[in-house]
Amino acid sequence: MKKFIIILFSIIISFGNFAFADGDLWDSYGDTNIYGQKPVSDQEFEQALDSKKGKKKRDKNIPKGESYRQSNETDAIINSSRELPVVLIPLSLKMQDGSIIPIGHYQVEGVKENGQTYLKLYQAHYVIAKLPATETNDDFNEPSINFAKIIPHGENHVELVFGNVNFNAYTVIDIAE
């Protein structure tokens, strides 16, 4: 009876192994085209290596189509010059042509037109005043690059000072009575 059980188990195990091994990797053993791969010749391999040698890796941090800048500080300085500084004019001012600049907050833009320097005062995208100014190298002891402020200049005058990345300028304006 022992022999019969041993023979029976050996038959079951041998047929069972054939069923488990059906369709596995060893069915195609010795085939050069196992997973659809084609053999590569030495010449094709050398061509692939040569094509990769000539190309330089592109830095992924630099966006396509934009110029390279040295640092983030450069971006901050360039962007700060686009933002116009705001100045509070606490009293009515009289321009040279007799018009009045009323009390209020103004954005100040310094421009050079036809060799002249001007300070433009804006409110809500409208030019309220265009004042002739004098360009200077003085930074008026301001800690920032982009600034505008009002400084008292005698009893009847105030001085509007302006500075940005391109130039610094000032103008003296009469106080309206």
N, C-alpha and C. Protein backbone atom coordinates (compact mmCIF):
# COMPACT_ATOMS: atom_id res chain seq x y z
N MET A 1 0.81 -1.18 0.00
CA MET A 1 0.00 0.00 0.00
C MET A 1 0.86 1.25 0.00
N LYS A 2 2.01 1.18 0.66
CA LYS A 2 2.91 2.33 0.67
C LYS A 2 3.38 2.65 -0.73
N LYS A 3 3.70 1.65 -1.50
CA LYS A 3 4.18 1.86 -2.86
C LYS A 3 3.09 2.50 -3.71
N PHE A 4 1.86 2.06 -3.52
CA PHE A 4 0.75 2.60 -4.30
C PHE A 4 0.55 4.09 -4.01
N ILE A 5 0.64 4.50 -2.75
CA ILE A 5 0.46 5.90 -2.37
C ILE A 5 1.62 6.74 -2.90
N ILE A 6 2.82 6.20 -2.85
CA ILE A 6 3.98 6.94 -3.35
C ILE A 6 3.87 7.13 -4.85
N ILE A 7 3.47 6.12 -5.57
CA ILE A 7 3.31 6.23 -7.03
C ILE A 7 2.19 7.22 -7.35
N LEU A 8 1.10 7.14 -6.62
CA LEU A 8 -0.03 8.03 -6.86
C LEU A 8 0.37 9.50 -6.62
N PHE A 9 1.06 9.79 -5.52
CA PHE A 9 1.51 11.15 -5.25
C PHE A 9 2.53 11.65 -6.28
N SER A 10 3.42 10.78 -6.73
CA SER A 10 4.40 11.19 -7.74
C SER A 10 3.72 11.53 -9.06
N ILE A 11 2.67 10.78 -9.41
CA ILE A 11 1.94 11.06 -10.66
C ILE A 11 1.20 12.40 -10.52
N ILE A 12 0.56 12.61 -9.39
CA ILE A 12 -0.18 13.88 -9.19
C ILE A 12 0.78 15.07 -9.19
N ILE A 13 1.90 14.95 -8.53
CA ILE A 13 2.87 16.03 -8.48
C ILE A 13 3.46 16.29 -9.85
N SER A 14 3.77 15.26 -10.62
CA SER A 14 4.36 15.46 -11.94
C SER A 14 3.38 16.12 -12.90
N PHE A 15 2.10 15.70 -12.88
CA PHE A 15 1.11 16.36 -13.74
C PHE A 15 0.80 17.77 -13.24
N GLY A 16 0.86 17.97 -11.98
CA GLY A 16 0.61 19.30 -11.40
C GLY A 16 1.70 20.29 -11.79
N ASN A 17 2.94 19.85 -11.84
CA ASN A 17 4.03 20.73 -12.23
C ASN A 17 3.91 21.16 -13.69
N PHE A 18 3.45 20.29 -14.54
CA PHE A 18 3.26 20.65 -15.94
C PHE A 18 2.18 21.72 -16.07
N ALA A 19 1.14 21.62 -15.24
CA ALA A 19 0.06 22.60 -15.31
C ALA A 19 0.54 23.97 -14.81
N PHE A 20 1.37 24.00 -13.76
CA PHE A 20 1.84 25.28 -13.25
C PHE A 20 2.89 25.91 -14.14
N ALA A 21 3.64 25.14 -14.85
CA ALA A 21 4.72 25.66 -15.67
C ALA A 21 4.26 26.07 -17.06
N ASP A 22 2.99 25.91 -17.37
CA ASP A 22 2.49 26.24 -18.70
C ASP A 22 2.45 27.76 -18.88
N GLY A 23 3.12 28.29 -19.92
CA GLY A 23 3.08 29.69 -20.27
C GLY A 23 4.02 30.57 -19.48
N ASP A 24 4.98 30.05 -18.79
CA ASP A 24 5.89 30.90 -18.05
C ASP A 24 7.12 31.23 -18.90
N LEU A 25 8.10 31.86 -18.29
CA LEU A 25 9.30 32.34 -18.98
C LEU A 25 10.08 31.21 -19.63
N TRP A 26 10.07 30.06 -19.05
CA TRP A 26 10.89 28.96 -19.56
C TRP A 26 10.31 28.36 -20.84
N ASP A 27 9.08 28.67 -21.19
CA ASP A 27 8.51 28.15 -22.44
C ASP A 27 9.26 28.70 -23.65
N SER A 28 9.77 29.94 -23.54
CA SER A 28 10.45 30.53 -24.68
C SER A 28 11.96 30.60 -24.44
N TYR A 29 12.49 29.76 -23.59
CA TYR A 29 13.92 29.77 -23.28
C TYR A 29 14.71 29.49 -24.55
N GLY A 30 15.74 30.32 -24.77
CA GLY A 30 16.58 30.13 -25.95
C GLY A 30 16.12 30.98 -27.12
N ASP A 31 14.92 31.56 -27.05
CA ASP A 31 14.43 32.44 -28.13
C ASP A 31 15.04 33.81 -27.94
N THR A 32 15.64 34.41 -29.00
CA THR A 32 16.30 35.72 -28.89
C THR A 32 15.30 36.86 -28.89
N ASN A 33 14.07 36.60 -29.22
CA ASN A 33 13.06 37.64 -29.32
C ASN A 33 12.01 37.45 -28.24
N ILE A 34 12.42 37.39 -26.98
CA ILE A 34 11.54 37.00 -25.87
C ILE A 34 10.41 38.00 -25.66
N TYR A 35 10.72 39.26 -25.44
CA TYR A 35 9.69 40.26 -25.15
C TYR A 35 9.55 41.29 -26.26
N GLY A 36 9.72 40.89 -27.46
CA GLY A 36 9.60 41.80 -28.59
C GLY A 36 10.83 42.65 -28.80
N GLN A 37 11.91 42.33 -28.11
CA GLN A 37 13.14 43.10 -28.26
C GLN A 37 13.91 42.59 -29.47
N LYS A 38 14.47 43.50 -30.20
CA LYS A 38 15.27 43.14 -31.36
C LYS A 38 16.74 43.24 -30.98
N PRO A 39 17.55 42.35 -31.44
CA PRO A 39 18.98 42.47 -31.14
C PRO A 39 19.57 43.70 -31.83
N VAL A 40 20.52 44.35 -31.17
CA VAL A 40 21.14 45.56 -31.67
C VAL A 40 22.55 45.22 -32.12
N SER A 41 22.91 45.71 -33.30
CA SER A 41 24.27 45.46 -33.78
C SER A 41 25.24 46.42 -33.10
N ASP A 42 26.52 46.12 -33.18
CA ASP A 42 27.54 46.98 -32.59
C ASP A 42 27.52 48.38 -33.21
N GLN A 43 27.29 48.44 -34.51
CA GLN A 43 27.26 49.74 -35.21
C GLN A 43 26.09 50.60 -34.70
N GLU A 44 24.91 50.02 -34.53
CA GLU A 44 23.76 50.77 -34.04
C GLU A 44 23.99 51.25 -32.60
N PHE A 45 24.64 50.41 -31.80
CA PHE A 45 24.95 50.79 -30.42
C PHE A 45 25.90 51.98 -30.38
N GLU A 46 26.92 51.98 -31.22
CA GLU A 46 27.88 53.09 -31.28
C GLU A 46 27.21 54.38 -31.76
N GLN A 47 26.30 54.27 -32.73
CA GLN A 47 25.57 55.44 -33.21
C GLN A 47 24.71 56.05 -32.10
N ALA A 48 24.07 55.21 -31.31
CA ALA A 48 23.24 55.70 -30.22
C ALA A 48 24.10 56.42 -29.18
N LEU A 49 25.27 55.89 -28.86
CA LEU A 49 26.17 56.54 -27.91
C LEU A 49 26.66 57.88 -28.45
N ASP A 50 27.03 57.92 -29.74
CA ASP A 50 27.52 59.17 -30.34
C ASP A 50 26.44 60.24 -30.36
N SER A 51 25.19 59.88 -30.58
CA SER A 51 24.11 60.88 -30.62
C SER A 51 23.89 61.49 -29.24
N LYS A 52 24.15 60.76 -28.18
CA LYS A 52 23.96 61.29 -26.82
C LYS A 52 25.17 62.10 -26.35
N LYS A 53 26.34 61.88 -26.91
CA LYS A 53 27.54 62.61 -26.48
C LYS A 53 27.47 64.09 -26.84
N GLY A 54 26.93 64.43 -27.99
CA GLY A 54 26.91 65.81 -28.47
C GLY A 54 25.90 66.69 -27.77
N LYS A 55 24.88 66.13 -27.16
CA LYS A 55 23.82 66.93 -26.54
C LYS A 55 24.18 67.29 -25.11
N LYS A 56 23.94 68.57 -24.75
CA LYS A 56 24.13 69.01 -23.38
C LYS A 56 22.79 68.96 -22.68
N LYS A 57 22.83 68.65 -21.40
CA LYS A 57 21.60 68.62 -20.63
C LYS A 57 21.14 70.05 -20.36
N ARG A 58 19.86 70.31 -20.56
CA ARG A 58 19.28 71.62 -20.32
C ARG A 58 18.86 71.71 -18.87
N ASP A 59 19.14 72.85 -18.26
CA ASP A 59 18.75 73.07 -16.87
C ASP A 59 17.24 73.23 -16.82
N LYS A 60 16.58 72.38 -16.07
CA LYS A 60 15.11 72.38 -16.01
C LYS A 60 14.57 73.61 -15.27
N ASN A 61 15.41 74.29 -14.48
CA ASN A 61 14.95 75.44 -13.71
C ASN A 61 14.84 76.71 -14.55
N ILE A 62 15.45 76.74 -15.72
CA ILE A 62 15.39 77.91 -16.58
C ILE A 62 14.23 77.73 -17.55
N PRO A 63 13.23 78.59 -17.51
CA PRO A 63 12.09 78.45 -18.42
C PRO A 63 12.51 78.66 -19.87
N LYS A 64 11.82 77.98 -20.77
CA LYS A 64 12.12 78.11 -22.19
C LYS A 64 11.71 79.50 -22.67
N GLY A 65 12.52 80.09 -23.51
CA GLY A 65 12.18 81.35 -24.15
C GLY A 65 12.45 82.58 -23.32
N GLU A 66 12.87 82.47 -22.08
CA GLU A 66 13.16 83.64 -21.26
C GLU A 66 14.66 83.76 -21.05
N SER A 67 15.09 84.98 -20.88
CA SER A 67 16.52 85.20 -20.67
C SER A 67 16.93 84.75 -19.28
N TYR A 68 18.17 84.38 -19.15
CA TYR A 68 18.69 83.92 -17.87
C TYR A 68 19.11 85.10 -17.03
N ARG A 69 18.74 85.11 -15.76
CA ARG A 69 19.11 86.17 -14.84
C ARG A 69 20.02 85.58 -13.77
N GLN A 70 20.88 86.42 -13.24
CA GLN A 70 21.88 85.96 -12.29
C GLN A 70 21.26 85.47 -10.98
N SER A 71 20.25 86.16 -10.46
CA SER A 71 19.74 85.79 -9.15
C SER A 71 18.31 86.28 -9.00
N ASN A 72 17.69 85.87 -7.92
CA ASN A 72 16.34 86.33 -7.61
C ASN A 72 16.33 87.80 -7.21
N GLU A 73 17.44 88.30 -6.68
CA GLU A 73 17.51 89.71 -6.30
C GLU A 73 17.35 90.61 -7.54
N THR A 74 17.90 90.17 -8.67
CA THR A 74 17.77 90.93 -9.91
C THR A 74 16.30 91.05 -10.29
N ASP A 75 15.56 89.95 -10.19
CA ASP A 75 14.13 89.98 -10.49
C ASP A 75 13.39 90.93 -9.56
N ALA A 76 13.73 90.90 -8.29
CA ALA A 76 13.05 91.76 -7.32
C ALA A 76 13.30 93.23 -7.63
N ILE A 77 14.53 93.58 -8.01
CA ILE A 77 14.86 94.98 -8.33
C ILE A 77 14.12 95.42 -9.59
N ILE A 78 14.10 94.57 -10.61
CA ILE A 78 13.43 94.92 -11.86
C ILE A 78 11.93 95.08 -11.63
N ASN A 79 11.33 94.16 -10.86
CA ASN A 79 9.89 94.26 -10.60
C ASN A 79 9.55 95.44 -9.72
N SER A 80 10.44 95.83 -8.80
CA SER A 80 10.15 96.96 -7.93
C SER A 80 10.13 98.27 -8.72
N SER A 81 10.90 98.36 -9.80
CA SER A 81 10.89 99.60 -10.58
C SER A 81 9.60 99.75 -11.38
N ARG A 82 8.86 98.67 -11.59
CA ARG A 82 7.59 98.75 -12.30
C ARG A 82 6.47 99.27 -11.40
N GLU A 83 6.63 99.07 -10.09
CA GLU A 83 5.63 99.54 -9.14
C GLU A 83 5.91 101.01 -8.84
N LEU A 84 4.93 101.84 -9.07
CA LEU A 84 5.11 103.27 -8.83
C LEU A 84 4.96 103.57 -7.35
N PRO A 85 5.86 104.38 -6.78
CA PRO A 85 5.73 104.74 -5.36
C PRO A 85 4.55 105.69 -5.17
N VAL A 86 3.98 105.64 -3.99
CA VAL A 86 2.83 106.48 -3.65
C VAL A 86 3.27 107.55 -2.66
N VAL A 87 2.79 108.77 -2.89
CA VAL A 87 3.11 109.87 -1.99
C VAL A 87 1.80 110.54 -1.57
N LEU A 88 1.75 110.97 -0.29
CA LEU A 88 0.60 111.71 0.22
C LEU A 88 0.93 113.19 0.15
N ILE A 89 0.10 113.94 -0.54
CA ILE A 89 0.26 115.40 -0.58
C ILE A 89 -0.76 115.96 0.40
N PRO A 90 -0.29 116.47 1.55
CA PRO A 90 -1.21 116.87 2.63
C PRO A 90 -1.82 118.26 2.47
N LEU A 91 -1.36 119.05 1.49
CA LEU A 91 -1.93 120.38 1.28
C LEU A 91 -1.98 120.68 -0.21
N SER A 92 -2.83 121.59 -0.59
CA SER A 92 -2.98 121.94 -2.00
C SER A 92 -1.71 122.62 -2.50
N LEU A 93 -1.29 122.23 -3.68
CA LEU A 93 -0.08 122.79 -4.28
C LEU A 93 -0.42 123.54 -5.55
N LYS A 94 0.35 124.60 -5.80
CA LYS A 94 0.10 125.44 -6.97
C LYS A 94 1.24 125.22 -7.97
N MET A 95 0.87 124.84 -9.18
CA MET A 95 1.87 124.61 -10.23
C MET A 95 2.24 125.94 -10.87
N GLN A 96 3.28 125.93 -11.72
CA GLN A 96 3.77 127.16 -12.36
C GLN A 96 2.74 127.78 -13.28
N ASP A 97 1.88 126.96 -13.88
CA ASP A 97 0.87 127.50 -14.79
C ASP A 97 -0.38 127.99 -14.05
N GLY A 98 -0.39 127.90 -12.72
CA GLY A 98 -1.50 128.40 -11.93
C GLY A 98 -2.51 127.34 -11.54
N SER A 99 -2.43 126.14 -12.08
CA SER A 99 -3.38 125.09 -11.72
C SER A 99 -3.04 124.54 -10.33
N ILE A 100 -4.04 123.94 -9.68
CA ILE A 100 -3.91 123.46 -8.32
C ILE A 100 -3.88 121.93 -8.31
N ILE A 101 -2.95 121.39 -7.51
CA ILE A 101 -2.92 119.94 -7.26
C ILE A 101 -3.61 119.75 -5.92
N PRO A 102 -4.76 119.07 -5.89
CA PRO A 102 -5.51 118.94 -4.63
C PRO A 102 -4.84 117.94 -3.66
N ILE A 103 -5.28 117.99 -2.42
CA ILE A 103 -4.81 117.07 -1.38
C ILE A 103 -5.18 115.64 -1.79
N GLY A 104 -4.27 114.69 -1.57
CA GLY A 104 -4.59 113.31 -1.89
C GLY A 104 -3.35 112.43 -2.01
N HIS A 105 -3.59 111.17 -2.33
CA HIS A 105 -2.53 110.20 -2.58
C HIS A 105 -2.28 110.13 -4.09
N TYR A 106 -1.01 110.09 -4.46
CA TYR A 106 -0.64 110.08 -5.87
C TYR A 106 0.46 109.05 -6.11
N GLN A 107 0.38 108.38 -7.23
CA GLN A 107 1.50 107.56 -7.68
C GLN A 107 2.42 108.47 -8.47
N VAL A 108 3.74 108.31 -8.26
CA VAL A 108 4.70 109.20 -8.90
C VAL A 108 5.53 108.37 -9.88
N GLU A 109 5.64 108.91 -11.09
CA GLU A 109 6.46 108.27 -12.12
C GLU A 109 7.46 109.29 -12.64
N GLY A 110 8.71 108.90 -12.70
CA GLY A 110 9.74 109.76 -13.27
C GLY A 110 9.99 109.36 -14.71
N VAL A 111 9.95 110.34 -15.62
CA VAL A 111 10.16 110.07 -17.04
C VAL A 111 11.13 111.10 -17.62
N LYS A 112 11.78 110.68 -18.69
CA LYS A 112 12.64 111.60 -19.45
C LYS A 112 12.05 111.69 -20.85
N GLU A 113 11.71 112.92 -21.24
CA GLU A 113 11.13 113.17 -22.56
C GLU A 113 11.88 114.32 -23.21
N ASN A 114 12.40 114.12 -24.40
CA ASN A 114 13.10 115.15 -25.16
C ASN A 114 14.23 115.81 -24.35
N GLY A 115 14.96 115.01 -23.60
CA GLY A 115 16.08 115.53 -22.83
C GLY A 115 15.67 116.21 -21.53
N GLN A 116 14.38 116.31 -21.24
CA GLN A 116 13.88 116.91 -20.00
C GLN A 116 13.42 115.82 -19.05
N THR A 117 13.52 116.09 -17.76
CA THR A 117 13.07 115.16 -16.74
C THR A 117 11.76 115.69 -16.15
N TYR A 118 10.78 114.80 -16.03
CA TYR A 118 9.47 115.16 -15.50
C TYR A 118 9.05 114.17 -14.43
N LEU A 119 8.26 114.66 -13.48
CA LEU A 119 7.60 113.79 -12.50
C LEU A 119 6.11 113.87 -12.78
N LYS A 120 5.51 112.72 -13.05
CA LYS A 120 4.07 112.66 -13.33
C LYS A 120 3.36 112.15 -12.09
N LEU A 121 2.28 112.83 -11.73
CA LEU A 121 1.45 112.42 -10.60
C LEU A 121 0.18 111.76 -11.15
N TYR A 122 -0.09 110.54 -10.72
CA TYR A 122 -1.24 109.77 -11.21
C TYR A 122 -2.23 109.52 -10.09
N GLN A 123 -3.51 109.50 -10.47
CA GLN A 123 -4.59 108.98 -9.65
C GLN A 123 -5.48 108.15 -10.56
N ALA A 124 -5.59 106.87 -10.25
CA ALA A 124 -6.45 105.95 -11.02
C ALA A 124 -6.14 105.99 -12.52
N HIS A 125 -4.91 105.85 -12.88
CA HIS A 125 -4.44 105.79 -14.26
C HIS A 125 -4.59 107.11 -15.03
N TYR A 126 -4.95 108.18 -14.35
CA TYR A 126 -5.07 109.49 -14.99
C TYR A 126 -3.93 110.38 -14.52
N VAL A 127 -3.29 111.07 -15.46
CA VAL A 127 -2.22 111.99 -15.10
C VAL A 127 -2.86 113.26 -14.55
N ILE A 128 -2.59 113.56 -13.29
CA ILE A 128 -3.13 114.76 -12.64
C ILE A 128 -2.20 115.94 -12.89
N ALA A 129 -0.88 115.69 -12.83
CA ALA A 129 0.08 116.77 -13.03
C ALA A 129 1.36 116.21 -13.64
N LYS A 130 1.98 117.05 -14.46
CA LYS A 130 3.28 116.72 -15.05
C LYS A 130 4.22 117.86 -14.66
N LEU A 131 5.13 117.55 -13.73
CA LEU A 131 5.98 118.59 -13.15
C LEU A 131 7.39 118.50 -13.72
N PRO A 132 7.97 119.61 -14.20
CA PRO A 132 9.37 119.58 -14.61
C PRO A 132 10.25 119.34 -13.38
N ALA A 133 11.27 118.52 -13.53
CA ALA A 133 12.11 118.15 -12.39
C ALA A 133 13.58 118.28 -12.76
N THR A 134 14.43 118.21 -11.75
CA THR A 134 15.87 118.28 -11.93
C THR A 134 16.45 116.92 -11.55
N GLU A 135 17.19 116.34 -12.46
CA GLU A 135 17.82 115.04 -12.18
C GLU A 135 19.04 115.25 -11.28
N THR A 136 19.25 114.31 -10.36
CA THR A 136 20.34 114.43 -9.40
C THR A 136 20.92 113.05 -9.08
N ASN A 137 22.11 113.05 -8.51
CA ASN A 137 22.71 111.81 -8.04
C ASN A 137 22.44 111.57 -6.56
N ASP A 138 21.81 112.53 -5.91
CA ASP A 138 21.49 112.42 -4.49
C ASP A 138 20.38 111.39 -4.29
N ASP A 139 20.57 110.49 -3.32
CA ASP A 139 19.53 109.50 -3.04
C ASP A 139 18.65 109.91 -1.86
N PHE A 140 18.84 111.12 -1.34
CA PHE A 140 18.03 111.71 -0.28
C PHE A 140 18.00 110.84 0.98
N ASN A 141 19.05 110.08 1.20
CA ASN A 141 19.20 109.18 2.37
C ASN A 141 18.04 108.19 2.50
N GLU A 142 17.51 107.76 1.40
CA GLU A 142 16.42 106.78 1.40
C GLU A 142 17.00 105.37 1.39
N PRO A 143 16.48 104.47 2.21
CA PRO A 143 17.01 103.10 2.23
C PRO A 143 16.54 102.24 1.05
N SER A 144 15.47 102.64 0.38
CA SER A 144 14.96 101.83 -0.73
C SER A 144 15.39 102.42 -2.07
N ILE A 145 15.29 101.61 -3.10
CA ILE A 145 15.68 102.04 -4.44
C ILE A 145 14.57 102.85 -5.09
N ASN A 146 13.34 102.44 -4.86
CA ASN A 146 12.18 103.05 -5.49
C ASN A 146 11.42 103.86 -4.43
N PHE A 147 11.43 105.21 -4.52
CA PHE A 147 10.81 106.03 -3.48
C PHE A 147 10.29 107.34 -4.04
N ALA A 148 9.38 107.94 -3.28
CA ALA A 148 8.88 109.30 -3.54
C ALA A 148 8.40 109.85 -2.21
N LYS A 149 8.71 111.12 -1.94
CA LYS A 149 8.24 111.73 -0.70
C LYS A 149 8.24 113.25 -0.83
N ILE A 150 7.52 113.90 0.10
CA ILE A 150 7.41 115.35 0.17
C ILE A 150 8.28 115.82 1.34
N ILE A 151 9.12 116.84 1.07
CA ILE A 151 9.99 117.41 2.10
C ILE A 151 9.68 118.91 2.17
N PRO A 152 9.54 119.48 3.37
CA PRO A 152 9.35 120.93 3.46
C PRO A 152 10.56 121.67 2.88
N HIS A 153 10.28 122.76 2.17
CA HIS A 153 11.36 123.53 1.53
C HIS A 153 11.04 125.02 1.73
N GLY A 154 11.34 125.50 2.88
CA GLY A 154 11.00 126.90 3.18
C GLY A 154 9.57 127.01 3.66
N GLU A 155 9.08 128.29 3.76
CA GLU A 155 7.73 128.51 4.28
C GLU A 155 6.64 128.27 3.25
N ASN A 156 6.89 128.60 2.00
CA ASN A 156 5.84 128.55 0.99
C ASN A 156 6.07 127.49 -0.08
N HIS A 157 7.00 126.60 0.15
CA HIS A 157 7.34 125.60 -0.88
C HIS A 157 7.52 124.22 -0.25
N VAL A 158 7.31 123.19 -1.06
CA VAL A 158 7.65 121.82 -0.69
C VAL A 158 8.49 121.23 -1.82
N GLU A 159 9.27 120.24 -1.46
CA GLU A 159 10.12 119.58 -2.44
C GLU A 159 9.62 118.14 -2.61
N LEU A 160 9.31 117.77 -3.84
CA LEU A 160 8.90 116.41 -4.16
C LEU A 160 10.15 115.69 -4.67
N VAL A 161 10.58 114.67 -3.95
CA VAL A 161 11.77 113.91 -4.35
C VAL A 161 11.33 112.54 -4.85
N PHE A 162 12.06 112.03 -5.82
CA PHE A 162 11.71 110.78 -6.48
C PHE A 162 13.00 110.02 -6.79
N GLY A 163 12.93 108.70 -6.69
CA GLY A 163 14.08 107.88 -7.06
C GLY A 163 13.62 106.51 -7.51
N ASN A 164 14.31 105.97 -8.50
CA ASN A 164 14.09 104.59 -8.93
C ASN A 164 15.41 104.04 -9.47
N VAL A 165 15.36 102.91 -10.13
CA VAL A 165 16.57 102.26 -10.62
C VAL A 165 17.28 103.13 -11.67
N ASN A 166 16.52 103.85 -12.46
CA ASN A 166 17.09 104.61 -13.58
C ASN A 166 17.70 105.95 -13.17
N PHE A 167 17.01 106.72 -12.33
CA PHE A 167 17.52 108.04 -11.94
C PHE A 167 16.79 108.55 -10.70
N ASN A 168 17.37 109.58 -10.08
CA ASN A 168 16.75 110.30 -8.97
C ASN A 168 16.47 111.73 -9.45
N ALA A 169 15.38 112.32 -8.95
CA ALA A 169 15.03 113.68 -9.37
C ALA A 169 14.25 114.37 -8.25
N TYR A 170 14.19 115.69 -8.36
CA TYR A 170 13.41 116.48 -7.40
C TYR A 170 12.81 117.68 -8.11
N THR A 171 11.75 118.22 -7.51
CA THR A 171 11.15 119.45 -7.99
C THR A 171 10.61 120.23 -6.79
N VAL A 172 10.62 121.55 -6.91
CA VAL A 172 10.11 122.42 -5.83
C VAL A 172 8.77 122.98 -6.32
N ILE A 173 7.75 122.86 -5.45
CA ILE A 173 6.39 123.28 -5.81
C ILE A 173 5.90 124.28 -4.76
N ASP A 174 5.17 125.30 -5.21
CA ASP A 174 4.61 126.31 -4.30
C ASP A 174 3.39 125.74 -3.58
N ILE A 175 3.19 126.19 -2.38
CA ILE A 175 1.99 125.82 -1.61
C ILE A 175 0.90 126.81 -1.97
N ALA A 176 -0.28 126.30 -2.30
CA ALA A 176 -1.43 127.18 -2.64
C ALA A 176 -1.94 127.84 -1.36
N GLU A 177 -2.33 129.11 -1.49
CA GLU A 177 -2.80 129.86 -0.32
C GLU A 177 -4.26 129.72 -0.12
